Amino acid sequence: HDVTQAGELLHGDEEYVFGDSGYQGVDKREEHEDREVEWHIAMKPGKRKQLTDSEADRETEALEKVKASIRAKVEHPFRIIKRQFGFVKVRYKGLPKNTQQLYTLFALANLYQFRHKLA
């Protein structure tokens, strides 16, 4: 479950944390009680489908779209290194080469994203 790995993903200086619906309930977990962050976790798809056309539900839907657009900006480089560059898993277990390879791939992903502006 994603929610059990949340602590490994945070470095401690966060003010806001955005996550998909797999992180529902992370703010209630014992290991995160002392964190002073604002949690912005996506609504589960089933609950989102149940939203009606009321004013409150329209505001909730708009908030969900804002959260999704922020997450998309962060997740897009991951899609690029996986799909464009074929990265699926680390080559060497626990070696600094893996870190350097990821740094290089993310730098290339940034260039790839803005290739039309560089031309």
C-alpha atoms as a PDB file:
ATOM      1  CA  HIS A   1       0.000   0.000   0.000  1.00  0.00           C
ATOM      2  CA  ASP A   2       1.228   3.475  -0.869  1.00  0.00           C
ATOM      3  CA  VAL A   3       0.253   4.918   2.486  1.00  0.00           C
ATOM      4  CA  THR A   4       2.787   2.737   4.324  1.00  0.00           C
ATOM      5  CA  GLN A   5       5.667   4.158   2.240  1.00  0.00           C
ATOM      6  CA  ALA A   6       4.824   7.840   2.678  1.00  0.00           C
ATOM      7  CA  GLY A   7       7.436   8.338   5.394  1.00  0.00           C
ATOM      8  CA  GLU A   8      10.196   7.143   3.053  1.00  0.00           C
ATOM      9  CA  LEU A   9       9.205   9.745   0.457  1.00  0.00           C
ATOM     10  CA  LEU A  10       9.307  12.783   2.740  1.00  0.00           C
ATOM     11  CA  HIS A  11      12.497  14.555   3.808  1.00  0.00           C
ATOM     12  CA  GLY A  12      11.002  16.604   6.641  1.00  0.00           C
ATOM     13  CA  ASP A  13      11.004  20.169   5.272  1.00  0.00           C
ATOM     14  CA  GLU A  14       7.711  19.869   3.390  1.00  0.00           C
ATOM     15  CA  GLU A  15       4.938  22.368   3.911  1.00  0.00           C
ATOM     16  CA  TYR A  16       2.447  20.771   1.530  1.00  0.00           C
ATOM     17  CA  VAL A  17       2.119  17.153   0.460  1.00  0.00           C
ATOM     18  CA  PHE A  18       0.082  16.112  -2.578  1.00  0.00           C
ATOM     19  CA  GLY A  19      -0.755  12.473  -3.207  1.00  0.00           C
ATOM     20  CA  ASP A  20      -3.099  10.247  -5.131  1.00  0.00           C
ATOM     21  CA  SER A  21      -5.947   8.339  -3.514  1.00  0.00           C
ATOM     22  CA  GLY A  22      -3.577   5.544  -2.452  1.00  0.00           C
ATOM     23  CA  TYR A  23      -2.396   7.854   0.329  1.00  0.00           C
ATOM     24  CA  GLN A  24      -5.855   8.293   1.892  1.00  0.00           C
ATOM     25  CA  GLY A  25      -5.550   8.348   5.674  1.00  0.00           C
ATOM     26  CA  VAL A  26      -1.827   9.145   5.760  1.00  0.00           C
ATOM     27  CA  ASP A  27      -2.461  12.190   7.940  1.00  0.00           C
ATOM     28  CA  LYS A  28      -4.041   9.974  10.607  1.00  0.00           C
ATOM     29  CA  ARG A  29      -1.115   7.539  10.826  1.00  0.00           C
ATOM     30  CA  GLU A  30       0.920   7.565  14.024  1.00  0.00           C
ATOM     31  CA  GLU A  31       4.271   8.174  12.300  1.00  0.00           C
ATOM     32  CA  HIS A  32       2.978  11.406  10.709  1.00  0.00           C
ATOM     33  CA  GLU A  33       1.212  12.964  13.706  1.00  0.00           C
ATOM     34  CA  ASP A  34       4.162  15.261  14.472  1.00  0.00           C
ATOM     35  CA  ARG A  35       4.544  16.509  10.880  1.00  0.00           C
ATOM     36  CA  GLU A  36       3.342  20.048  10.350  1.00  0.00           C
ATOM     37  CA  VAL A  37       2.302  19.757   6.724  1.00  0.00           C
ATOM     38  CA  GLU A  38      -0.884  20.354   4.808  1.00  0.00           C
ATOM     39  CA  TRP A  39      -1.988  17.061   3.289  1.00  0.00           C
ATOM     40  CA  HIS A  40      -3.737  17.312  -0.092  1.00  0.00           C
ATOM     41  CA  ILE A  41      -4.714  13.755  -0.944  1.00  0.00           C
ATOM     42  CA  ALA A  42      -6.959  12.940  -3.891  1.00  0.00           C
ATOM     43  CA  MET A  43     -10.449  11.660  -3.293  1.00  0.00           C
ATOM     44  CA  LYS A  44     -11.097   7.984  -4.009  1.00  0.00           C
ATOM     45  CA  PRO A  45     -12.689   7.491  -7.461  1.00  0.00           C
ATOM     46  CA  GLY A  46     -15.846   5.924  -5.999  1.00  0.00           C
ATOM     47  CA  LYS A  47     -16.453   8.895  -3.728  1.00  0.00           C
ATOM     48  CA  ARG A  48     -15.773  11.295  -6.570  1.00  0.00           C
ATOM     49  CA  LYS A  49     -18.399   9.569  -8.721  1.00  0.00           C
ATOM     50  CA  GLN A  50     -20.960  10.081  -5.971  1.00  0.00           C
ATOM     51  CA  LEU A  51     -20.617  13.868  -6.137  1.00  0.00           C
ATOM     52  CA  THR A  52     -23.827  15.586  -7.162  1.00  0.00           C
ATOM     53  CA  ASP A  53     -24.517  18.867  -8.914  1.00  0.00           C
ATOM     54  CA  SER A  54     -24.820  20.781  -5.642  1.00  0.00           C
ATOM     55  CA  GLU A  55     -22.743  23.894  -5.042  1.00  0.00           C
ATOM     56  CA  ALA A  56     -20.620  22.191  -2.365  1.00  0.00           C
ATOM     57  CA  ASP A  57     -19.913  19.188  -4.605  1.00  0.00           C
ATOM     58  CA  ARG A  58     -18.983  21.452  -7.533  1.00  0.00           C
ATOM     59  CA  GLU A  59     -16.464  23.187  -5.269  1.00  0.00           C
ATOM     60  CA  THR A  60     -15.124  19.801  -4.154  1.00  0.00           C
ATOM     61  CA  GLU A  61     -14.758  18.726  -7.793  1.00  0.00           C
ATOM     62  CA  ALA A  62     -12.914  21.957  -8.625  1.00  0.00           C
ATOM     63  CA  LEU A  63     -10.553  21.373  -5.688  1.00  0.00           C
ATOM     64  CA  GLU A  64      -9.895  17.809  -6.895  1.00  0.00           C
ATOM     65  CA  LYS A  65      -8.989  19.161 -10.338  1.00  0.00           C
ATOM     66  CA  VAL A  66      -6.522  21.624  -8.805  1.00  0.00           C
ATOM     67  CA  LYS A  67      -4.901  18.825  -6.782  1.00  0.00           C
ATOM     68  CA  ALA A  68      -4.683  16.643  -9.901  1.00  0.00           C
ATOM     69  CA  SER A  69      -3.099  19.413 -11.972  1.00  0.00           C
ATOM     70  CA  ILE A  70      -0.407  19.975  -9.324  1.00  0.00           C
ATOM     71  CA  ARG A  71       0.336  16.241  -9.115  1.00  0.00           C
ATOM     72  CA  ALA A  72       0.490  16.003 -12.922  1.00  0.00           C
ATOM     73  CA  LYS A  73       3.289  18.576 -13.076  1.00  0.00           C
ATOM     74  CA  VAL A  74       5.357  16.419 -10.743  1.00  0.00           C
ATOM     75  CA  GLU A  75       4.481  13.066 -12.307  1.00  0.00           C
ATOM     76  CA  HIS A  76       5.051  14.053 -15.942  1.00  0.00           C
ATOM     77  CA  PRO A  77       8.885  13.735 -15.806  1.00  0.00           C
ATOM     78  CA  PHE A  78       8.470  10.201 -14.426  1.00  0.00           C
ATOM     79  CA  ARG A  79       6.364   9.288 -17.461  1.00  0.00           C
ATOM     80  CA  ILE A  80       9.053  10.674 -19.749  1.00  0.00           C
ATOM     81  CA  ILE A  81      11.896   8.690 -18.207  1.00  0.00           C
ATOM     82  CA  LYS A  82       9.792   5.516 -18.217  1.00  0.00           C
ATOM     83  CA  ARG A  83       8.220   5.775 -21.685  1.00  0.00           C
ATOM     84  CA  GLN A  84      10.631   7.891 -23.724  1.00  0.00           C
ATOM     85  CA  PHE A  85      13.867   6.624 -22.167  1.00  0.00           C
ATOM     86  CA  GLY A  86      12.766   3.091 -21.217  1.00  0.00           C
ATOM     87  CA  PHE A  87      13.722   3.268 -17.532  1.00  0.00           C
ATOM     88  CA  VAL A  88      11.939   0.520 -15.619  1.00  0.00           C
ATOM     89  CA  LYS A  89      14.229  -0.450 -12.742  1.00  0.00           C
ATOM     90  CA  VAL A  90      17.645   0.217 -11.285  1.00  0.00           C
ATOM     91  CA  ARG A  91      20.588  -1.691 -12.728  1.00  0.00           C
ATOM     92  CA  TYR A  92      22.777  -2.004  -9.668  1.00  0.00           C
ATOM     93  CA  LYS A  93      21.433  -2.561  -6.211  1.00  0.00           C
ATOM     94  CA  GLY A  94      22.495   0.197  -3.826  1.00  0.00           C
ATOM     95  CA  LEU A  95      25.166   1.813  -5.981  1.00  0.00           C
ATOM     96  CA  PRO A  96      25.608   5.567  -6.447  1.00  0.00           C
ATOM     97  CA  LYS A  97      25.544   4.885 -10.203  1.00  0.00           C
ATOM     98  CA  ASN A  98      21.781   4.460  -9.945  1.00  0.00           C
ATOM     99  CA  THR A  99      21.407   7.895  -8.395  1.00  0.00           C
ATOM    100  CA  GLN A 100      23.587   9.462 -11.076  1.00  0.00           C
ATOM    101  CA  GLN A 101      21.634   7.686 -13.804  1.00  0.00           C
ATOM    102  CA  LEU A 102      18.362   9.061 -12.420  1.00  0.00           C
ATOM    103  CA  TYR A 103      19.794  12.586 -12.128  1.00  0.00           C
ATOM    104  CA  THR A 104      20.857  12.365 -15.768  1.00  0.00           C
ATOM    105  CA  LEU A 105      17.490  10.986 -16.882  1.00  0.00           C
ATOM    106  CA  PHE A 106      15.591  13.740 -15.081  1.00  0.00           C
ATOM    107  CA  ALA A 107      17.865  16.384 -16.606  1.00  0.00           C
ATOM    108  CA  LEU A 108      17.183  14.878 -20.032  1.00  0.00           C
ATOM    109  CA  ALA A 109      13.463  14.735 -19.240  1.00  0.00           C
ATOM    110  CA  ASN A 110      13.528  18.484 -18.513  1.00  0.00           C
ATOM    111  CA  LEU A 111      15.202  19.103 -21.867  1.00  0.00           C
ATOM    112  CA  TYR A 112      12.714  16.788 -23.574  1.00  0.00           C
ATOM    113  CA  GLN A 113       9.770  18.641 -22.047  1.00  0.00           C
ATOM    114  CA  PHE A 114      11.008  21.989 -23.328  1.00  0.00           C
ATOM    115  CA  ARG A 115      12.498  20.828 -26.626  1.00  0.00           C
ATOM    116  CA  HIS A 116      10.035  22.930 -28.635  1.00  0.00           C
ATOM    117  CA  LYS A 117      11.173  26.092 -26.825  1.00  0.00           C
ATOM    118  CA  LEU A 118      14.853  25.249 -27.333  1.00  0.00           C
ATOM    119  CA  ALA A 119      14.577  24.820 -31.106  1.00  0.00           C
END
